[in-house]
């Protein structure tokens, strides 16, 4: 489960810390949701107005965290764990956000070239999760047996009744590749009408709303350097800064959640074909309006070979990407280069 993105998308807050820029800008850190920290900042007429927005953010975060939690139960809520334990016995009715997320994943999975992100891989991913907890690699035979129960077509969605059913009772869902991006979209729709100039980072899944009200034209979002890759400035850990508004920024990479065995790094993004950690890239950052799409594509392109991923992202007009290949080469699609600091982005 993609609980920690491999490349952190940090918030660029230097200007906000300078005198004269902060009178209407407020920020907070929230914890305990999606196993990560959430940073929320925005421009408001008063602390009270901002605090009211924070209450809404926390309410939605708490609800979605519980709904997409595959490890705990919450009263009578039909959340991810409940579905995994019961949908193989009979159809389970789920809340609208849960059903919508599954529907979006199935729609994407059925597109040609998009099926390397499979949320029905829970049985395989749980073995890798246990391996990271214990430091012991999963047996190949166990991975192959688990892979027999990852057929997404066995996940039956009934839109009329909002139910989920597993034709294979051993299928397990894992929403780690998509849940935070979908949650960021959900929260954005709640917050934009009341606090349009804001930026939220849900464990690095970033959405930038209307421009900041301090004279800047765009929000800046930094992409962290993988270890061993030079930064844009000596002494920093920033690889690149991207400037935009009304956009999502999501990164997947190999160095935030991993374990090492005999000097070999095994990270958390598993290729459904090899059943092993993908090895083509160090990281990939997606920029597009939809947080769900950015989350999905960041995982997909990280798994695909570079040339294949580049061709795919260039076929999607509304999305762009920054790639870090296995040898440390950094490249960007034209749309991302146009908003990048090192390419002289003027919009900042």
Protein backbone atom coordinates (compact mmCIF):
# COMPACT_ATOMS: atom_id res chain seq x y z
CA UNK A 1 0.00 0.00 0.00
CA UNK A 2 1.36 3.35 -0.98
CA UNK A 3 1.20 4.77 2.52
CA UNK A 4 4.34 6.86 2.10
CA UNK A 5 5.20 8.32 -1.29
CA UNK A 6 8.76 7.71 -2.24
CA UNK A 7 9.42 11.26 -3.32
CA UNK A 8 8.08 13.86 -0.87
CA UNK A 9 6.22 16.79 -2.43
CA UNK A 10 6.98 19.43 0.23
CA UNK A 11 5.37 22.88 0.35
CA UNK A 12 7.45 25.87 -0.62
CA UNK A 13 6.80 28.29 2.26
CA UNK A 14 9.85 30.59 2.35
CA UNK A 15 8.01 33.72 1.21
CA UNK A 16 5.25 33.08 3.71
CA UNK A 17 7.77 33.26 6.55
CA UNK A 18 9.04 36.73 5.61
CA UNK A 19 7.70 39.91 7.24
CA UNK A 20 4.83 41.54 5.42
CA UNK A 21 3.54 38.43 3.70
CA UNK A 22 1.77 36.53 6.44
CA UNK A 23 -0.98 38.77 7.81
CA UNK A 24 -3.79 36.90 6.01
CA UNK A 25 -2.06 33.55 5.61
CA UNK A 26 -2.67 30.74 8.07
CA UNK A 27 -1.44 27.18 8.24
CA UNK A 28 -1.74 24.03 10.32
CA UNK A 29 -0.46 20.49 10.49
CA UNK A 30 -2.88 17.59 11.02
CA UNK A 31 -1.87 14.08 12.06
CA UNK A 32 -3.35 10.60 12.36
CA UNK A 33 -5.00 10.52 8.93
CA UNK A 34 -3.82 8.12 6.22
CA UNK A 35 -0.76 7.31 8.33
CA UNK A 36 0.89 10.58 7.38
CA UNK A 37 0.98 14.29 8.13
CA UNK A 38 -1.34 16.69 6.36
CA UNK A 39 -0.29 20.29 5.82
CA UNK A 40 -3.07 22.79 5.13
CA UNK A 41 -2.57 26.49 4.46
CA UNK A 42 -4.71 29.24 3.05
CA UNK A 43 -5.54 32.92 2.95
CA UNK A 44 -8.47 34.00 5.10
CA UNK A 45 -9.88 37.23 6.51
CA UNK A 46 -9.30 36.01 10.06
CA UNK A 47 -8.01 33.15 12.17
CA UNK A 48 -11.61 32.25 12.91
CA UNK A 49 -12.43 31.88 9.22
CA UNK A 50 -9.38 29.70 8.67
CA UNK A 51 -10.14 27.59 11.75
CA UNK A 52 -13.65 26.95 10.42
CA UNK A 53 -12.11 25.61 7.22
CA UNK A 54 -9.74 23.40 9.25
CA UNK A 55 -12.71 21.88 11.07
CA UNK A 56 -14.20 20.87 7.72
CA UNK A 57 -10.87 19.49 6.50
CA UNK A 58 -10.47 17.37 9.64
CA UNK A 59 -14.04 16.11 9.43
CA UNK A 60 -13.59 14.92 5.86
CA UNK A 61 -10.11 13.53 6.51
CA UNK A 62 -11.34 11.51 9.48
CA UNK A 63 -14.26 10.09 7.51
CA UNK A 64 -12.19 9.12 4.46
CA UNK A 65 -9.33 7.76 6.58
CA UNK A 66 -11.74 5.41 8.30
CA UNK A 67 -13.53 4.51 5.08
CA UNK A 68 -10.33 3.51 3.27
CA UNK A 69 -8.60 1.88 6.25
CA UNK A 70 -7.78 -1.74 5.49
CA UNK A 71 -6.51 -2.53 8.99
CA UNK A 72 -9.22 -1.40 11.43
CA UNK A 73 -12.99 -1.49 11.79
CA UNK A 74 -15.06 1.51 12.90
CA UNK A 75 -18.39 0.58 14.38
CA UNK A 76 -20.81 -0.49 11.68
CA UNK A 77 -19.02 1.35 8.87
CA UNK A 78 -18.53 -0.78 5.75
CA UNK A 79 -14.95 0.33 5.20
CA UNK A 80 -12.10 -1.31 3.29
CA UNK A 81 -11.33 -3.88 5.96
CA UNK A 82 -15.01 -4.80 6.27
CA UNK A 83 -15.30 -5.17 2.49
CA UNK A 84 -12.19 -7.35 2.28
CA UNK A 85 -13.54 -9.62 5.01
CA UNK A 86 -17.13 -9.86 3.77
CA UNK A 87 -17.49 -9.11 0.05
CA UNK A 88 -16.43 -12.64 -0.84
CA UNK A 89 -19.49 -13.98 1.00
CA UNK A 90 -22.21 -11.63 -0.27
CA UNK A 91 -22.52 -8.16 -1.83
CA UNK A 92 -21.57 -5.39 0.60
CA UNK A 93 -23.23 -1.97 0.37
CA UNK A 94 -20.72 0.87 0.67
CA UNK A 95 -20.82 4.64 0.98
CA UNK A 96 -20.82 6.73 -2.19
CA UNK A 97 -17.13 7.85 -1.99
CA UNK A 98 -16.01 4.23 -1.63
CA UNK A 99 -18.11 3.08 -4.58
CA UNK A 100 -17.00 6.03 -6.69
CA UNK A 101 -13.33 5.34 -6.03
CA UNK A 102 -13.70 1.67 -6.97
CA UNK A 103 -15.58 2.64 -10.12
CA UNK A 104 -12.87 5.09 -11.13
CA UNK A 105 -10.19 2.44 -10.58
CA UNK A 106 -12.06 -0.10 -12.68
CA UNK A 107 -12.60 2.43 -15.45
CA UNK A 108 -8.88 3.26 -15.51
CA UNK A 109 -7.82 -0.39 -15.28
CA UNK A 110 -9.87 -1.28 -18.35
CA UNK A 111 -8.15 1.34 -20.53
CA UNK A 112 -5.46 -0.11 -22.83
CA UNK A 113 -2.05 0.28 -21.20
CA UNK A 114 -3.38 1.26 -17.77
CA UNK A 115 -3.76 -2.13 -16.08
CA UNK A 116 -0.42 -2.17 -14.27
CA UNK A 117 -2.20 -0.44 -11.37
CA UNK A 118 -4.47 -3.10 -9.90
CA UNK A 119 -6.26 -2.38 -6.63
CA UNK A 120 -7.21 -6.09 -6.44
CA UNK A 121 -3.56 -6.94 -5.64
CA UNK A 122 -4.14 -6.81 -1.90
CA UNK A 123 -3.12 -10.43 -1.35
CA UNK A 124 0.28 -9.82 -2.95
CA UNK A 125 0.84 -6.40 -1.40
CA UNK A 126 0.04 -7.71 2.08
CA UNK A 127 2.96 -10.15 1.75
CA UNK A 128 5.28 -7.26 0.92
CA UNK A 129 3.82 -5.22 3.77
CA UNK A 130 4.61 -8.05 6.18
CA UNK A 131 8.09 -8.30 4.69
CA UNK A 132 8.81 -4.64 5.42
CA UNK A 133 7.60 -5.17 8.98
CA UNK A 134 9.78 -8.23 9.56
CA UNK A 135 12.72 -7.62 7.23
CA UNK A 136 12.22 -11.07 5.70
CA UNK A 137 11.57 -11.33 1.96
CA UNK A 138 8.36 -13.13 0.92
CA UNK A 139 8.76 -16.57 -0.59
CA UNK A 140 8.36 -16.66 -4.37
CA UNK A 141 5.83 -19.47 -4.09
CA UNK A 142 3.74 -17.41 -1.66
CA UNK A 143 3.75 -14.45 -4.05
CA UNK A 144 2.71 -16.64 -6.97
CA UNK A 145 -0.09 -18.26 -4.98
CA UNK A 146 -1.34 -14.86 -3.85
CA UNK A 147 -1.23 -13.61 -7.44
CA UNK A 148 -3.82 -16.22 -8.39
CA UNK A 149 -6.35 -14.08 -6.50
CA UNK A 150 -5.74 -10.65 -8.05
CA UNK A 151 -8.21 -10.70 -10.94
CA UNK A 152 -9.93 -7.30 -10.94
CA UNK A 153 -12.73 -8.68 -13.11
CA UNK A 154 -13.80 -10.73 -10.08
CA UNK A 155 -14.67 -7.48 -8.28
CA UNK A 156 -18.31 -6.91 -9.17
CA UNK A 157 -19.73 -3.40 -8.73
CA UNK A 158 -23.49 -2.91 -8.69
CA UNK A 159 -24.09 0.79 -9.28
CA UNK A 160 -27.85 0.64 -8.67
CA UNK A 161 -27.41 -0.84 -5.19
CA UNK A 162 -23.94 0.61 -4.47
CA UNK A 163 -22.57 -2.83 -3.60
CA UNK A 164 -19.26 -4.62 -3.97
CA UNK A 165 -18.96 -8.38 -4.42
CA UNK A 166 -15.93 -10.64 -4.91
CA UNK A 167 -16.54 -13.61 -7.18
CA UNK A 168 -13.23 -14.93 -5.87
CA UNK A 169 -13.54 -14.89 -2.04
CA UNK A 170 -9.74 -14.65 -1.71
CA UNK A 171 -9.53 -11.34 -3.57
CA UNK A 172 -8.39 -8.46 -1.37
CA UNK A 173 -8.43 -4.78 -2.28
CA UNK A 174 -5.58 -2.37 -1.58
CA UNK A 175 -6.30 1.33 -2.15
CA UNK A 176 -2.85 2.64 -1.31
CA UNK A 177 -2.14 3.74 -4.88
CA UNK A 178 -5.19 5.96 -5.13
CA UNK A 179 -6.82 6.78 -1.78
CA UNK A 180 -4.86 9.92 -0.84
CA UNK A 181 -5.26 11.45 -4.28
CA UNK A 182 -9.00 10.79 -4.22
CA UNK A 183 -9.21 12.19 -0.69
CA UNK A 184 -7.42 15.38 -1.76
CA UNK A 185 -9.99 15.81 -4.56
CA UNK A 186 -12.84 15.29 -2.10
CA UNK A 187 -11.49 17.84 0.38
CA UNK A 188 -10.75 20.35 -2.36
CA UNK A 189 -14.40 20.31 -3.45
CA UNK A 190 -15.47 21.05 0.13
CA UNK A 191 -12.93 23.83 0.76
CA UNK A 192 -12.77 25.74 -2.53
CA UNK A 193 -16.15 27.50 -2.15
CA UNK A 194 -15.23 28.93 1.26
CA UNK A 195 -11.42 29.33 1.09
CA UNK A 196 -10.38 29.41 -2.57
CA UNK A 197 -6.72 30.41 -2.04
CA UNK A 198 -5.27 27.35 -0.31
CA UNK A 199 -2.75 24.54 -0.61
CA UNK A 200 -3.11 21.11 0.95
CA UNK A 201 -0.48 18.38 1.13
CA UNK A 202 -1.92 15.03 2.17
CA UNK A 203 1.23 13.09 2.82
CA UNK A 204 2.76 14.68 -0.25
CA UNK A 205 -0.33 14.43 -2.44
CA UNK A 206 -0.57 18.15 -3.09
CA UNK A 207 -3.38 20.28 -4.47
CA UNK A 208 -2.86 24.00 -5.11
CA UNK A 209 -5.98 26.15 -5.35
CA UNK A 210 -6.26 29.78 -6.45
CA UNK A 211 -3.08 31.86 -6.41
CA UNK A 212 -1.68 32.95 -3.02
CA UNK A 213 -2.74 36.44 -1.93
CA UNK A 214 0.75 37.76 -1.27
CA UNK A 215 1.58 38.98 -4.76
CA UNK A 216 2.77 35.69 -6.19
CA UNK A 217 1.08 34.36 -9.32
CA UNK A 218 1.43 30.68 -8.46
CA UNK A 219 1.94 28.29 -5.58
CA UNK A 220 5.33 26.59 -5.51
CA UNK A 221 5.57 22.87 -4.83
CA UNK A 222 8.97 21.25 -4.36
CA UNK A 223 10.00 17.78 -5.45
CA UNK A 224 12.47 16.14 -3.10
CA UNK A 225 15.73 14.63 -4.32
CA UNK A 226 16.14 10.89 -4.14
CA UNK A 227 19.31 9.95 -2.29
CA UNK A 228 22.33 10.26 -4.55
CA UNK A 229 20.71 12.78 -6.92
CA UNK A 230 22.07 16.38 -6.93
CA UNK A 231 19.75 19.12 -5.65
CA UNK A 232 19.07 22.42 -7.40
CA UNK A 233 20.90 24.28 -4.64
CA UNK A 234 23.83 23.13 -2.48
CA UNK A 235 22.72 22.02 0.95
CA UNK A 236 19.07 21.56 0.03
CA UNK A 237 17.16 18.37 -0.66
CA UNK A 238 15.02 19.92 -3.41
CA UNK A 239 15.28 18.48 -6.89
CA UNK A 240 12.87 20.89 -8.56
CA UNK A 241 10.19 23.46 -7.77
CA UNK A 242 6.99 23.48 -9.83
CA UNK A 243 4.69 26.51 -9.98
CA UNK A 244 0.99 26.38 -10.78
CA UNK A 245 -2.56 26.85 -9.52
CA UNK A 246 -5.65 24.63 -9.64
CA UNK A 247 -3.38 21.60 -10.03
CA UNK A 248 -2.47 18.36 -8.24
CA UNK A 249 1.12 17.20 -7.78
CA UNK A 250 1.83 13.58 -6.82
CA UNK A 251 5.13 11.67 -6.74
CA UNK A 252 5.93 7.98 -6.51
CA UNK A 253 9.47 6.79 -5.83
CA UNK A 254 11.73 4.17 -4.36
CA UNK A 255 13.21 5.71 -1.22
CA UNK A 256 10.57 6.59 1.36
CA UNK A 257 9.15 3.15 2.17
CA UNK A 258 11.61 0.34 1.68
CA UNK A 259 13.72 -2.26 3.36
CA UNK A 260 17.22 -3.49 2.61
CA UNK A 261 18.19 -7.15 2.55
CA UNK A 262 21.82 -8.09 1.84
CA UNK A 263 22.46 -4.60 0.53
CA UNK A 264 19.51 -4.66 -1.91
CA UNK A 265 16.68 -2.14 -1.56
CA UNK A 266 13.11 -3.44 -1.81
CA UNK A 267 10.61 -0.59 -1.99
CA UNK A 268 6.81 -0.67 -1.77
CA UNK A 269 5.67 -0.18 -5.39
CA UNK A 270 5.15 -3.68 -6.73
CA UNK A 271 4.92 -4.57 -10.42
CA UNK A 272 1.93 -6.93 -10.87
CA UNK A 273 3.76 -8.72 -13.69
CA UNK A 274 6.99 -9.54 -11.84
CA UNK A 275 5.45 -9.40 -8.31
CA UNK A 276 8.63 -7.56 -7.32
CA UNK A 277 9.42 -3.89 -6.71
CA UNK A 278 9.52 -1.97 -10.00
CA UNK A 279 13.05 -1.06 -11.03
CA UNK A 280 12.93 1.26 -14.05
CA UNK A 281 12.82 4.61 -12.24
CA UNK A 282 13.87 6.35 -9.02
CA UNK A 283 10.82 8.59 -9.08
CA UNK A 284 8.07 10.14 -11.16
CA UNK A 285 5.98 13.24 -10.44
CA UNK A 286 2.63 13.80 -12.11
CA UNK A 287 1.01 17.21 -12.56
CA UNK A 288 -2.65 17.36 -13.54
CA UNK A 289 -5.90 18.77 -12.17
CA UNK A 290 -7.30 15.56 -10.67
CA UNK A 291 -5.62 14.24 -7.53
CA UNK A 292 -6.98 10.76 -8.21
CA UNK A 293 -5.58 10.77 -11.73
CA UNK A 294 -2.22 12.11 -10.54
CA UNK A 295 -2.03 9.41 -7.86
CA UNK A 296 -2.96 6.64 -10.29
CA UNK A 297 -0.59 7.84 -13.02
CA UNK A 298 2.35 8.33 -10.66
CA UNK A 299 2.17 4.65 -9.68
CA UNK A 300 1.55 3.49 -13.25
CA UNK A 301 4.44 5.41 -14.76
CA UNK A 302 6.77 4.35 -11.96
CA UNK A 303 6.06 0.72 -12.81
CA UNK A 304 6.36 1.09 -16.59
CA UNK A 305 9.67 1.27 -18.49
CA UNK A 306 10.62 4.91 -19.05
CA UNK A 307 9.96 5.06 -22.80
CA UNK A 308 6.60 3.35 -22.40
CA UNK A 309 5.60 5.67 -19.59
CA UNK A 310 6.73 8.74 -21.52
CA UNK A 311 4.65 7.75 -24.53
CA UNK A 312 1.62 7.16 -22.32
CA UNK A 313 1.80 10.48 -20.47
CA UNK A 314 2.34 12.39 -23.71
CA UNK A 315 -0.92 10.87 -24.97
CA UNK A 316 -2.82 12.53 -22.09
CA UNK A 317 -3.17 16.25 -22.92
CA UNK A 318 -4.22 17.30 -19.42
CA UNK A 319 -1.26 15.69 -17.60
CA UNK A 320 2.51 16.03 -17.48
CA UNK A 321 5.38 14.28 -15.72
CA UNK A 322 8.85 14.66 -14.28
CA UNK A 323 10.93 11.46 -14.45
CA UNK A 324 14.02 10.40 -12.53
CA UNK A 325 15.46 7.33 -14.24
CA UNK A 326 17.43 4.58 -12.52
CA UNK A 327 20.72 6.23 -13.50
CA UNK A 328 19.64 9.57 -12.01
CA UNK A 329 18.72 11.35 -15.25
CA UNK A 330 15.96 13.95 -14.80
CA UNK A 331 13.58 14.69 -17.65
CA UNK A 332 10.23 16.45 -18.00
CA UNK A 333 7.39 16.63 -20.43
CA UNK A 334 6.99 20.05 -22.03
CA UNK A 335 4.03 21.03 -19.83
CA UNK A 336 6.01 20.38 -16.64
CA UNK A 337 9.19 22.01 -17.94
CA UNK A 338 7.11 25.14 -18.56
CA UNK A 339 6.32 25.46 -14.83
CA UNK A 340 9.71 24.33 -13.47
CA UNK A 341 12.11 26.62 -11.61
CA UNK A 342 15.21 25.33 -13.40
CA UNK A 343 13.59 26.04 -16.76
CA UNK A 344 12.95 29.66 -15.77
CA UNK A 345 9.26 29.45 -14.98
CA UNK A 346 8.04 33.04 -15.07
CA UNK A 347 4.68 32.40 -13.44
CA UNK A 348 6.09 32.48 -9.95
